[in-house]
Amino acid sequence: MLVYNISARVEDEVLEDWLYWMKNIHIPEVMETGLFLDYKLMILLNDPLGDEYPGHTFIIQYFADTLDQYDQYQLNHAPALQQKFKDRYGDKVLTFRTLMQDV
C-alpha cells in the first residue's frame, strides 16, 4: 500500500473556502481519476508550527495499491490539478508532498 501524503498550511483568511473546495471539488476530482482507493483529510492538533505562522496544518492522504497508479496520477493528472490549486490559493496555502509505503 502506498500513501501519497500532502501537508498543507492554510492561512485563516482562506480556511473556510479551502475546506469547502477540498471536500467538494478537489478531492473528488483526484478520486475520479480512479487511481486511488481511498483518502483521508485530517488536521494536525499538535501543530509544530504553533503560533509562529498563521493558519492551520492539514494532511491529505490518498491510498494506492501500486507505484504505477501513483506514477500515472503524477504524469496524467497532477500537473493540471496542482495548477488549479495554485491559481486559486497562491501563497495562502503552502504544501509539500511525500510518498510513503507500508512496511
PDB file of N, CA and C in Angstrom:
ATOM      1  N   MET A   1       0.848  -1.183   0.000  1.00  0.00           N
ATOM      2  CA  MET A   1       0.000   0.000   0.000  1.00  0.00           C
ATOM      3  C   MET A   1       0.887   1.237   0.000  1.00  0.00           C
ATOM      4  N   LEU A   2       0.589   2.164  -0.889  1.00  0.00           N
ATOM      5  CA  LEU A   2       1.293   3.437  -0.958  1.00  0.00           C
ATOM      6  C   LEU A   2       0.383   4.547  -0.449  1.00  0.00           C
ATOM      7  N   VAL A   3       0.987   5.527   0.201  1.00  0.00           N
ATOM      8  CA  VAL A   3       0.247   6.685   0.686  1.00  0.00           C
ATOM      9  C   VAL A   3       0.893   7.929   0.098  1.00  0.00           C
ATOM     10  N   TYR A   4       0.124   8.637  -0.709  1.00  0.00           N
ATOM     11  CA  TYR A   4       0.541   9.931  -1.243  1.00  0.00           C
ATOM     12  C   TYR A   4       0.056  10.960  -0.232  1.00  0.00           C
ATOM     13  N   ASN A   5       0.983  11.614   0.436  1.00  0.00           N
ATOM     14  CA  ASN A   5       0.702  12.475   1.583  1.00  0.00           C
ATOM     15  C   ASN A   5       0.969  13.930   1.220  1.00  0.00           C
ATOM     16  N   ILE A   6      -0.038  14.762   1.401  1.00  0.00           N
ATOM     17  CA  ILE A   6       0.122  16.195   1.163  1.00  0.00           C
ATOM     18  C   ILE A   6      -0.119  16.922   2.474  1.00  0.00           C
ATOM     19  N   SER A   7       0.868  17.702   2.893  1.00  0.00           N
ATOM     20  CA  SER A   7       0.717  18.561   4.066  1.00  0.00           C
ATOM     21  C   SER A   7       0.455  19.967   3.565  1.00  0.00           C
ATOM     22  N   ALA A   8      -0.566  20.614   4.130  1.00  0.00           N
ATOM     23  CA  ALA A   8      -0.971  21.938   3.666  1.00  0.00           C
ATOM     24  C   ALA A   8      -1.118  22.885   4.851  1.00  0.00           C
ATOM     25  N   ARG A   9      -0.388  23.985   4.797  1.00  0.00           N
ATOM     26  CA  ARG A   9      -0.526  25.048   5.798  1.00  0.00           C
ATOM     27  C   ARG A   9      -1.474  26.081   5.212  1.00  0.00           C
ATOM     28  N   VAL A  10      -2.662  26.208   5.810  1.00  0.00           N
ATOM     29  CA  VAL A  10      -3.744  27.019   5.268  1.00  0.00           C
ATOM     30  C   VAL A  10      -3.917  28.267   6.130  1.00  0.00           C
ATOM     31  N   GLU A  11      -3.784  29.438   5.511  1.00  0.00           N
ATOM     32  CA  GLU A  11      -3.985  30.694   6.243  1.00  0.00           C
ATOM     33  C   GLU A  11      -5.451  30.856   6.603  1.00  0.00           C
ATOM     34  N   ASP A  12      -5.689  31.497   7.749  1.00  0.00           N
ATOM     35  CA  ASP A  12      -7.048  31.649   8.270  1.00  0.00           C
ATOM     36  C   ASP A  12      -7.994  32.330   7.291  1.00  0.00           C
ATOM     37  N   GLU A  13      -7.511  33.295   6.529  1.00  0.00           N
ATOM     38  CA  GLU A  13      -8.400  34.062   5.650  1.00  0.00           C
ATOM     39  C   GLU A  13      -8.994  33.229   4.518  1.00  0.00           C
ATOM     40  N   VAL A  14      -8.389  32.083   4.191  1.00  0.00           N
ATOM     41  CA  VAL A  14      -8.947  31.225   3.137  1.00  0.00           C
ATOM     42  C   VAL A  14      -9.412  29.874   3.681  1.00  0.00           C
ATOM     43  N   LEU A  15      -9.364  29.696   4.977  1.00  0.00           N
ATOM     44  CA  LEU A  15      -9.637  28.393   5.584  1.00  0.00           C
ATOM     45  C   LEU A  15     -11.021  27.842   5.227  1.00  0.00           C
ATOM     46  N   GLU A  16     -12.052  28.620   5.398  1.00  0.00           N
ATOM     47  CA  GLU A  16     -13.415  28.143   5.139  1.00  0.00           C
ATOM     48  C   GLU A  16     -13.587  27.764   3.670  1.00  0.00           C
ATOM     49  N   ASP A  17     -13.111  28.617   2.768  1.00  0.00           N
ATOM     50  CA  ASP A  17     -13.198  28.340   1.338  1.00  0.00           C
ATOM     51  C   ASP A  17     -12.379  27.109   0.982  1.00  0.00           C
ATOM     52  N   TRP A  18     -11.171  27.009   1.535  1.00  0.00           N
ATOM     53  CA  TRP A  18     -10.286  25.883   1.242  1.00  0.00           C
ATOM     54  C   TRP A  18     -10.928  24.566   1.660  1.00  0.00           C
ATOM     55  N   LEU A  19     -11.481  24.500   2.863  1.00  0.00           N
ATOM     56  CA  LEU A  19     -12.115  23.265   3.327  1.00  0.00           C
ATOM     57  C   LEU A  19     -13.281  22.871   2.417  1.00  0.00           C
ATOM     58  N   TYR A  20     -14.110  23.831   2.061  1.00  0.00           N
ATOM     59  CA  TYR A  20     -15.225  23.541   1.163  1.00  0.00           C
ATOM     60  C   TYR A  20     -14.701  23.025  -0.180  1.00  0.00           C
ATOM     61  N   TRP A  21     -13.735  23.732  -0.738  1.00  0.00           N
ATOM     62  CA  TRP A  21     -13.197  23.382  -2.051  1.00  0.00           C
ATOM     63  C   TRP A  21     -12.536  22.006  -2.038  1.00  0.00           C
ATOM     64  N   MET A  22     -11.779  21.731  -0.982  1.00  0.00           N
ATOM     65  CA  MET A  22     -11.127  20.421  -0.882  1.00  0.00           C
ATOM     66  C   MET A  22     -12.155  19.298  -0.817  1.00  0.00           C
ATOM     67  N   LYS A  23     -13.147  19.431   0.056  1.00  0.00           N
ATOM     68  CA  LYS A  23     -14.133  18.371   0.269  1.00  0.00           C
ATOM     69  C   LYS A  23     -15.071  18.177  -0.917  1.00  0.00           C
ATOM     70  N   ASN A  24     -15.414  19.246  -1.597  1.00  0.00           N
ATOM     71  CA  ASN A  24     -16.457  19.179  -2.614  1.00  0.00           C
ATOM     72  C   ASN A  24     -15.969  19.227  -4.056  1.00  0.00           C
ATOM     73  N   ILE A  25     -14.733  19.668  -4.257  1.00  0.00           N
ATOM     74  CA  ILE A  25     -14.238  19.811  -5.626  1.00  0.00           C
ATOM     75  C   ILE A  25     -12.915  19.078  -5.836  1.00  0.00           C
ATOM     76  N   HIS A  26     -11.873  19.488  -5.110  1.00  0.00           N
ATOM     77  CA  HIS A  26     -10.537  18.959  -5.399  1.00  0.00           C
ATOM     78  C   HIS A  26     -10.401  17.468  -5.090  1.00  0.00           C
ATOM     79  N   ILE A  27     -10.735  17.059  -3.883  1.00  0.00           N
ATOM     80  CA  ILE A  27     -10.594  15.640  -3.540  1.00  0.00           C
ATOM     81  C   ILE A  27     -11.467  14.775  -4.452  1.00  0.00           C
ATOM     82  N   PRO A  28     -12.732  15.139  -4.703  1.00  0.00           N
ATOM     83  CA  PRO A  28     -13.497  14.339  -5.659  1.00  0.00           C
ATOM     84  C   PRO A  28     -12.849  14.246  -7.046  1.00  0.00           C
ATOM     85  N   GLU A  29     -12.221  15.333  -7.513  1.00  0.00           N
ATOM     86  CA  GLU A  29     -11.532  15.271  -8.811  1.00  0.00           C
ATOM     87  C   GLU A  29     -10.365  14.282  -8.768  1.00  0.00           C
ATOM     88  N   VAL A  30      -9.611  14.293  -7.680  1.00  0.00           N
ATOM     89  CA  VAL A  30      -8.491  13.341  -7.549  1.00  0.00           C
ATOM     90  C   VAL A  30      -9.030  11.913  -7.534  1.00  0.00           C
ATOM     91  N   MET A  31     -10.079  11.668  -6.764  1.00  0.00           N
ATOM     92  CA  MET A  31     -10.629  10.320  -6.657  1.00  0.00           C
ATOM     93  C   MET A  31     -11.254   9.859  -7.972  1.00  0.00           C
ATOM     94  N   GLU A  32     -11.796  10.783  -8.758  1.00  0.00           N
ATOM     95  CA  GLU A  32     -12.392  10.430 -10.049  1.00  0.00           C
ATOM     96  C   GLU A  32     -11.364   9.913 -11.057  1.00  0.00           C
ATOM     97  N   THR A  33     -10.082  10.123 -10.803  1.00  0.00           N
ATOM     98  CA  THR A  33      -9.064   9.566 -11.693  1.00  0.00           C
ATOM     99  C   THR A  33      -9.073   8.042 -11.654  1.00  0.00           C
ATOM    100  N   GLY A  34      -9.615   7.467 -10.574  1.00  0.00           N
ATOM    101  CA  GLY A  34      -9.658   6.018 -10.433  1.00  0.00           C
ATOM    102  C   GLY A  34      -8.343   5.389 -10.020  1.00  0.00           C
ATOM    103  N   LEU A  35      -7.364   6.214  -9.677  1.00  0.00           N
ATOM    104  CA  LEU A  35      -6.030   5.708  -9.354  1.00  0.00           C
ATOM    105  C   LEU A  35      -5.791   5.534  -7.861  1.00  0.00           C
ATOM    106  N   PHE A  36      -6.695   6.043  -7.040  1.00  0.00           N
ATOM    107  CA  PHE A  36      -6.568   5.902  -5.591  1.00  0.00           C
ATOM    108  C   PHE A  36      -7.774   5.150  -5.039  1.00  0.00           C
ATOM    109  N   LEU A  37      -7.538   4.357  -4.009  1.00  0.00           N
ATOM    110  CA  LEU A  37      -8.582   3.536  -3.405  1.00  0.00           C
ATOM    111  C   LEU A  37      -9.424   4.317  -2.410  1.00  0.00           C
ATOM    112  N   ASP A  38      -8.783   5.229  -1.690  1.00  0.00           N
ATOM    113  CA  ASP A  38      -9.453   5.962  -0.625  1.00  0.00           C
ATOM    114  C   ASP A  38      -8.600   7.183  -0.281  1.00  0.00           C
ATOM    115  N   TYR A  39      -9.100   7.997   0.625  1.00  0.00           N
ATOM    116  CA  TYR A  39      -8.371   9.175   1.073  1.00  0.00           C
ATOM    117  C   TYR A  39      -8.763   9.491   2.508  1.00  0.00           C
ATOM    118  N   LYS A  40      -7.961  10.345   3.133  1.00  0.00           N
ATOM    119  CA  LYS A  40      -8.278  10.913   4.439  1.00  0.00           C
ATOM    120  C   LYS A  40      -7.888  12.386   4.424  1.00  0.00           C
ATOM    121  N   LEU A  41      -8.688  13.195   5.098  1.00  0.00           N
ATOM    122  CA  LEU A  41      -8.394  14.617   5.285  1.00  0.00           C
ATOM    123  C   LEU A  41      -8.380  14.851   6.789  1.00  0.00           C
ATOM    124  N   MET A  42      -7.243  15.302   7.313  1.00  0.00           N
ATOM    125  CA  MET A  42      -7.069  15.467   8.755  1.00  0.00           C
ATOM    126  C   MET A  42      -6.447  16.818   9.065  1.00  0.00           C
ATOM    127  N   ILE A  43      -6.651  17.278  10.293  1.00  0.00           N
ATOM    128  CA  ILE A  43      -5.998  18.491  10.783  1.00  0.00           C
ATOM    129  C   ILE A  43      -5.018  18.082  11.875  1.00  0.00           C
ATOM    130  N   LEU A  44      -3.863  18.717  11.903  1.00  0.00           N
ATOM    131  CA  LEU A  44      -2.893  18.474  12.974  1.00  0.00           C
ATOM    132  C   LEU A  44      -3.367  19.177  14.239  1.00  0.00           C
ATOM    133  N   LEU A  45      -3.453  18.424  15.315  1.00  0.00           N
ATOM    134  CA  LEU A  45      -3.859  19.015  16.591  1.00  0.00           C
ATOM    135  C   LEU A  45      -2.661  19.548  17.366  1.00  0.00           C
ATOM    136  N   ASN A  46      -1.531  18.902  17.217  1.00  0.00           N
ATOM    137  CA  ASN A  46      -0.309  19.376  17.871  1.00  0.00           C
ATOM    138  C   ASN A  46       0.626  19.943  16.802  1.00  0.00           C
ATOM    139  N   ASP A  47       0.176  21.012  16.192  1.00  0.00           N
ATOM    140  CA  ASP A  47       0.868  21.631  15.066  1.00  0.00           C
ATOM    141  C   ASP A  47       2.239  22.155  15.497  1.00  0.00           C
ATOM    142  N   PRO A  48       3.314  21.612  14.924  1.00  0.00           N
ATOM    143  CA  PRO A  48       4.660  22.047  15.318  1.00  0.00           C
ATOM    144  C   PRO A  48       4.963  23.504  14.946  1.00  0.00           C
ATOM    145  N   LEU A  49       4.214  24.066  14.015  1.00  0.00           N
ATOM    146  CA  LEU A  49       4.426  25.465  13.641  1.00  0.00           C
ATOM    147  C   LEU A  49       3.818  26.411  14.664  1.00  0.00           C
ATOM    148  N   GLY A  50       2.881  25.891  15.447  1.00  0.00           N
ATOM    149  CA  GLY A  50       2.295  26.672  16.534  1.00  0.00           C
ATOM    150  C   GLY A  50       1.810  28.031  16.080  1.00  0.00           C
ATOM    151  N   ASP A  51       2.100  29.032  16.897  1.00  0.00           N
ATOM    152  CA  ASP A  51       1.657  30.394  16.614  1.00  0.00           C
ATOM    153  C   ASP A  51       2.655  31.198  15.789  1.00  0.00           C
ATOM    154  N   GLU A  52       3.788  30.574  15.431  1.00  0.00           N
ATOM    155  CA  GLU A  52       4.812  31.287  14.663  1.00  0.00           C
ATOM    156  C   GLU A  52       4.316  31.680  13.273  1.00  0.00           C
ATOM    157  N   TYR A  53       3.465  30.841  12.702  1.00  0.00           N
ATOM    158  CA  TYR A  53       2.955  31.073  11.357  1.00  0.00           C
ATOM    159  C   TYR A  53       1.433  31.054  11.416  1.00  0.00           C
ATOM    160  N   PRO A  54       0.780  31.957  10.710  1.00  0.00           N
ATOM    161  CA  PRO A  54      -0.682  31.985  10.754  1.00  0.00           C
ATOM    162  C   PRO A  54      -1.284  30.757  10.072  1.00  0.00           C
ATOM    163  N   GLY A  55      -2.423  30.323  10.565  1.00  0.00           N
ATOM    164  CA  GLY A  55      -3.153  29.250   9.897  1.00  0.00           C
ATOM    165  C   GLY A  55      -3.119  27.932  10.625  1.00  0.00           C
ATOM    166  N   HIS A  56      -3.538  26.905   9.897  1.00  0.00           N
ATOM    167  CA  HIS A  56      -3.648  25.546  10.418  1.00  0.00           C
ATOM    168  C   HIS A  56      -3.026  24.588   9.413  1.00  0.00           C
ATOM    169  N   THR A  57      -2.505  23.471   9.926  1.00  0.00           N
ATOM    170  CA  THR A  57      -1.906  22.472   9.054  1.00  0.00           C
ATOM    171  C   THR A  57      -2.844  21.289   8.901  1.00  0.00           C
ATOM    172  N   PHE A  58      -3.078  20.916   7.644  1.00  0.00           N
ATOM    173  CA  PHE A  58      -3.914  19.779   7.305  1.00  0.00           C
ATOM    174  C   PHE A  58      -3.083  18.734   6.587  1.00  0.00           C
ATOM    175  N   ILE A  59      -3.517  17.493   6.685  1.00  0.00           N
ATOM    176  CA  ILE A  59      -2.888  16.382   5.986  1.00  0.00           C
ATOM    177  C   ILE A  59      -3.949  15.738   5.111  1.00  0.00           C
ATOM    178  N   ILE A  60      -3.629  15.557   3.842  1.00  0.00           N
ATOM    179  CA  ILE A  60      -4.495  14.835   2.919  1.00  0.00           C
ATOM    180  C   ILE A  60      -3.708  13.617   2.471  1.00  0.00           C
ATOM    181  N   GLN A  61      -4.296  12.438   2.648  1.00  0.00           N
ATOM    182  CA  GLN A  61      -3.634  11.201   2.250  1.00  0.00           C
ATOM    183  C   GLN A  61      -4.492  10.472   1.231  1.00  0.00           C
ATOM    184  N   TYR A  62      -3.858  10.049   0.146  1.00  0.00           N
ATOM    185  CA  TYR A  62      -4.505   9.242  -0.885  1.00  0.00           C
ATOM    186  C   TYR A  62      -3.815   7.883  -0.899  1.00  0.00           C
ATOM    187  N   PHE A  63      -4.596   6.814  -0.979  1.00  0.00           N
ATOM    188  CA  PHE A  63      -4.073   5.454  -0.878  1.00  0.00           C
ATOM    189  C   PHE A  63      -4.148   4.755  -2.227  1.00  0.00           C
ATOM    190  N   ALA A  64      -3.009   4.184  -2.641  1.00  0.00           N
ATOM    191  CA  ALA A  64      -2.923   3.460  -3.908  1.00  0.00           C
ATOM    192  C   ALA A  64      -2.299   2.092  -3.669  1.00  0.00           C
ATOM    193  N   ASP A  65      -2.659   1.143  -4.544  1.00  0.00           N
ATOM    194  CA  ASP A  65      -2.101  -0.204  -4.432  1.00  0.00           C
ATOM    195  C   ASP A  65      -0.689  -0.302  -4.983  1.00  0.00           C
ATOM    196  N   THR A  66      -0.417   0.442  -6.076  1.00  0.00           N
ATOM    197  CA  THR A  66       0.849   0.243  -6.770  1.00  0.00           C
ATOM    198  C   THR A  66       1.548   1.570  -7.075  1.00  0.00           C
ATOM    199  N   LEU A  67       2.831   1.475  -7.273  1.00  0.00           N
ATOM    200  CA  LEU A  67       3.617   2.634  -7.680  1.00  0.00           C
ATOM    201  C   LEU A  67       3.202   3.095  -9.073  1.00  0.00           C
ATOM    202  N   ASP A  68       2.794   2.158  -9.927  1.00  0.00           N
ATOM    203  CA  ASP A  68       2.333   2.519 -11.267  1.00  0.00           C
ATOM    204  C   ASP A  68       1.103   3.431 -11.207  1.00  0.00           C
ATOM    205  N   GLN A  69       0.177   3.165 -10.291  1.00  0.00           N
ATOM    206  CA  GLN A  69      -1.005   4.026 -10.146  1.00  0.00           C
ATOM    207  C   GLN A  69      -0.586   5.433  -9.741  1.00  0.00           C
ATOM    208  N   TYR A  70       0.323   5.537  -8.780  1.00  0.00           N
ATOM    209  CA  TYR A  70       0.834   6.843  -8.358  1.00  0.00           C
ATOM    210  C   TYR A  70       1.523   7.544  -9.523  1.00  0.00           C
ATOM    211  N   ASP A  71       2.373   6.812 -10.249  1.00  0.00           N
ATOM    212  CA  ASP A  71       3.086   7.400 -11.387  1.00  0.00           C
ATOM    213  C   ASP A  71       2.112   7.893 -12.460  1.00  0.00           C
ATOM    214  N   GLN A  72       1.070   7.130 -12.720  1.00  0.00           N
ATOM    215  CA  GLN A  72       0.061   7.552 -13.703  1.00  0.00           C
ATOM    216  C   GLN A  72      -0.615   8.843 -13.245  1.00  0.00           C
ATOM    217  N   TYR A  73      -0.912   8.918 -11.960  1.00  0.00           N
ATOM    218  CA  TYR A  73      -1.524  10.137 -11.428  1.00  0.00           C
ATOM    219  C   TYR A  73      -0.582  11.329 -11.626  1.00  0.00           C
ATOM    220  N   GLN A  74       0.680  11.163 -11.250  1.00  0.00           N
ATOM    221  CA  GLN A  74       1.655  12.253 -11.365  1.00  0.00           C
ATOM    222  C   GLN A  74       1.848  12.690 -12.811  1.00  0.00           C
ATOM    223  N   LEU A  75       1.848  11.757 -13.723  1.00  0.00           N
ATOM    224  CA  LEU A  75       2.081  12.066 -15.135  1.00  0.00           C
ATOM    225  C   LEU A  75       0.847  12.665 -15.823  1.00  0.00           C
ATOM    226  N   ASN A  76      -0.315  12.089 -15.561  1.00  0.00           N
ATOM    227  CA  ASN A  76      -1.501  12.431 -16.341  1.00  0.00           C
ATOM    228  C   ASN A  76      -2.494  13.377 -15.674  1.00  0.00           C
ATOM    229  N   HIS A  77      -2.398  13.546 -14.356  1.00  0.00           N
ATOM    230  CA  HIS A  77      -3.429  14.321 -13.661  1.00  0.00           C
ATOM    231  C   HIS A  77      -2.880  15.408 -12.731  1.00  0.00           C
ATOM    232  N   ALA A  78      -1.803  15.117 -12.033  1.00  0.00           N
ATOM    233  CA  ALA A  78      -1.304  16.033 -11.002  1.00  0.00           C
ATOM    234  C   ALA A  78      -0.969  17.428 -11.525  1.00  0.00           C
ATOM    235  N   PRO A  79      -0.296  17.572 -12.656  1.00  0.00           N
ATOM    236  CA  PRO A  79       0.063  18.930 -13.081  1.00  0.00           C
ATOM    237  C   PRO A  79      -1.138  19.869 -13.212  1.00  0.00           C
ATOM    238  N   ALA A  80      -2.195  19.424 -13.853  1.00  0.00           N
ATOM    239  CA  ALA A  80      -3.372  20.280 -14.045  1.00  0.00           C
ATOM    240  C   ALA A  80      -4.096  20.544 -12.724  1.00  0.00           C
ATOM    241  N   LEU A  81      -4.250  19.515 -11.898  1.00  0.00           N
ATOM    242  CA  LEU A  81      -4.933  19.691 -10.616  1.00  0.00           C
ATOM    243  C   LEU A  81      -4.138  20.598  -9.686  1.00  0.00           C
ATOM    244  N   GLN A  82      -2.824  20.439  -9.668  1.00  0.00           N
ATOM    245  CA  GLN A  82      -1.986  21.295  -8.820  1.00  0.00           C
ATOM    246  C   GLN A  82      -1.989  22.736  -9.314  1.00  0.00           C
ATOM    247  N   GLN A  83      -2.081  22.931 -10.617  1.00  0.00           N
ATOM    248  CA  GLN A  83      -2.141  24.292 -11.149  1.00  0.00           C
ATOM    249  C   GLN A  83      -3.448  24.973 -10.758  1.00  0.00           C
ATOM    250  N   LYS A  84      -4.547  24.249 -10.813  1.00  0.00           N
ATOM    251  CA  LYS A  84      -5.833  24.800 -10.375  1.00  0.00           C
ATOM    252  C   LYS A  84      -5.748  25.224  -8.910  1.00  0.00           C
ATOM    253  N   PHE A  85      -5.101  24.383  -8.105  1.00  0.00           N
ATOM    254  CA  PHE A  85      -4.928  24.665  -6.678  1.00  0.00           C
ATOM    255  C   PHE A  85      -4.103  25.942  -6.492  1.00  0.00           C
ATOM    256  N   LYS A  86      -2.997  26.031  -7.213  1.00  0.00           N
ATOM    257  CA  LYS A  86      -2.113  27.196  -7.108  1.00  0.00           C
ATOM    258  C   LYS A  86      -2.812  28.471  -7.591  1.00  0.00           C
ATOM    259  N   ASP A  87      -3.555  28.359  -8.682  1.00  0.00           N
ATOM    260  CA  ASP A  87      -4.279  29.519  -9.203  1.00  0.00           C
ATOM    261  C   ASP A  87      -5.313  30.026  -8.205  1.00  0.00           C
ATOM    262  N   ARG A  88      -5.929  29.132  -7.478  1.00  0.00           N
ATOM    263  CA  ARG A  88      -6.983  29.511  -6.548  1.00  0.00           C
ATOM    264  C   ARG A  88      -6.431  30.089  -5.244  1.00  0.00           C
ATOM    265  N   TYR A  89      -5.339  29.509  -4.727  1.00  0.00           N
ATOM    266  CA  TYR A  89      -4.871  29.890  -3.385  1.00  0.00           C
ATOM    267  C   TYR A  89      -3.497  30.549  -3.345  1.00  0.00           C
ATOM    268  N   GLY A  90      -2.750  30.507  -4.406  1.00  0.00           N
ATOM    269  CA  GLY A  90      -1.444  31.171  -4.432  1.00  0.00           C
ATOM    270  C   GLY A  90      -0.605  30.819  -3.229  1.00  0.00           C
ATOM    271  N   ASP A  91      -0.111  31.844  -2.529  1.00  0.00           N
ATOM    272  CA  ASP A  91       0.747  31.616  -1.365  1.00  0.00           C
ATOM    273  C   ASP A  91      -0.042  31.592  -0.054  1.00  0.00           C
ATOM    274  N   LYS A  92      -1.364  31.509  -0.134  1.00  0.00           N
ATOM    275  CA  LYS A  92      -2.214  31.426   1.073  1.00  0.00           C
ATOM    276  C   LYS A  92      -2.258  30.009   1.625  1.00  0.00           C
ATOM    277  N   VAL A  93      -1.863  29.037   0.789  1.00  0.00           N
ATOM    278  CA  VAL A  93      -1.777  27.641   1.214  1.00  0.00           C
ATOM    279  C   VAL A  93      -0.428  27.102   0.738  1.00  0.00           C
ATOM    280  N   LEU A  94       0.403  26.738   1.681  1.00  0.00           N
ATOM    281  CA  LEU A  94       1.713  26.176   1.354  1.00  0.00           C
ATOM    282  C   LEU A  94       1.636  24.662   1.512  1.00  0.00           C
ATOM    283  N   THR A  95       2.156  23.936   0.530  1.00  0.00           N
ATOM    284  CA  THR A  95       2.070  22.477   0.568  1.00  0.00           C
ATOM    285  C   THR A  95       3.435  21.841   0.361  1.00  0.00           C
ATOM    286  N   PHE A  96       3.549  20.619   0.893  1.00  0.00           N
ATOM    287  CA  PHE A  96       4.644  19.757   0.479  1.00  0.00           C
ATOM    288  C   PHE A  96       4.118  18.340   0.414  1.00  0.00           C
ATOM    289  N   ARG A  97       4.678  17.585  -0.514  1.00  0.00           N
ATOM    290  CA  ARG A  97       4.167  16.264  -0.837  1.00  0.00           C
ATOM    291  C   ARG A  97       5.225  15.198  -0.573  1.00  0.00           C
ATOM    292  N   THR A  98       4.765  14.059  -0.051  1.00  0.00           N
ATOM    293  CA  THR A  98       5.640  12.923   0.183  1.00  0.00           C
ATOM    294  C   THR A  98       4.931  11.656  -0.272  1.00  0.00           C
ATOM    295  N   LEU A  99       5.698  10.625  -0.523  1.00  0.00           N
ATOM    296  CA  LEU A  99       5.170   9.310  -0.864  1.00  0.00           C
ATOM    297  C   LEU A  99       5.685   8.326   0.166  1.00  0.00           C
ATOM    298  N   MET A 100       4.774   7.542   0.735  1.00  0.00           N
ATOM    299  CA  MET A 100       5.139   6.596   1.780  1.00  0.00           C
ATOM    300  C   MET A 100       4.635   5.210   1.388  1.00  0.00           C
ATOM    301  N   GLN A 101       5.269   4.191   1.988  1.00  0.00           N
ATOM    302  CA  GLN A 101       4.854   2.818   1.724  1.00  0.00           C
ATOM    303  C   GLN A 101       4.754   2.054   3.032  1.00  0.00           C
ATOM    304  N   ASP A 102       3.717   1.211   3.128  1.00  0.00           N
ATOM    305  CA  ASP A 102       3.604   0.343   4.301  1.00  0.00           C
ATOM    306  C   ASP A 102       4.818  -0.562   4.394  1.00  0.00           C
ATOM    307  N   VAL A 103       5.275  -0.822   5.599  1.00  0.00           N
ATOM    308  CA  VAL A 103       6.378  -1.770   5.821  1.00  0.00           C
ATOM    309  C   VAL A 103       5.948  -2.848   6.792  1.00  0.00           C
TER     310      VAL A 103
END
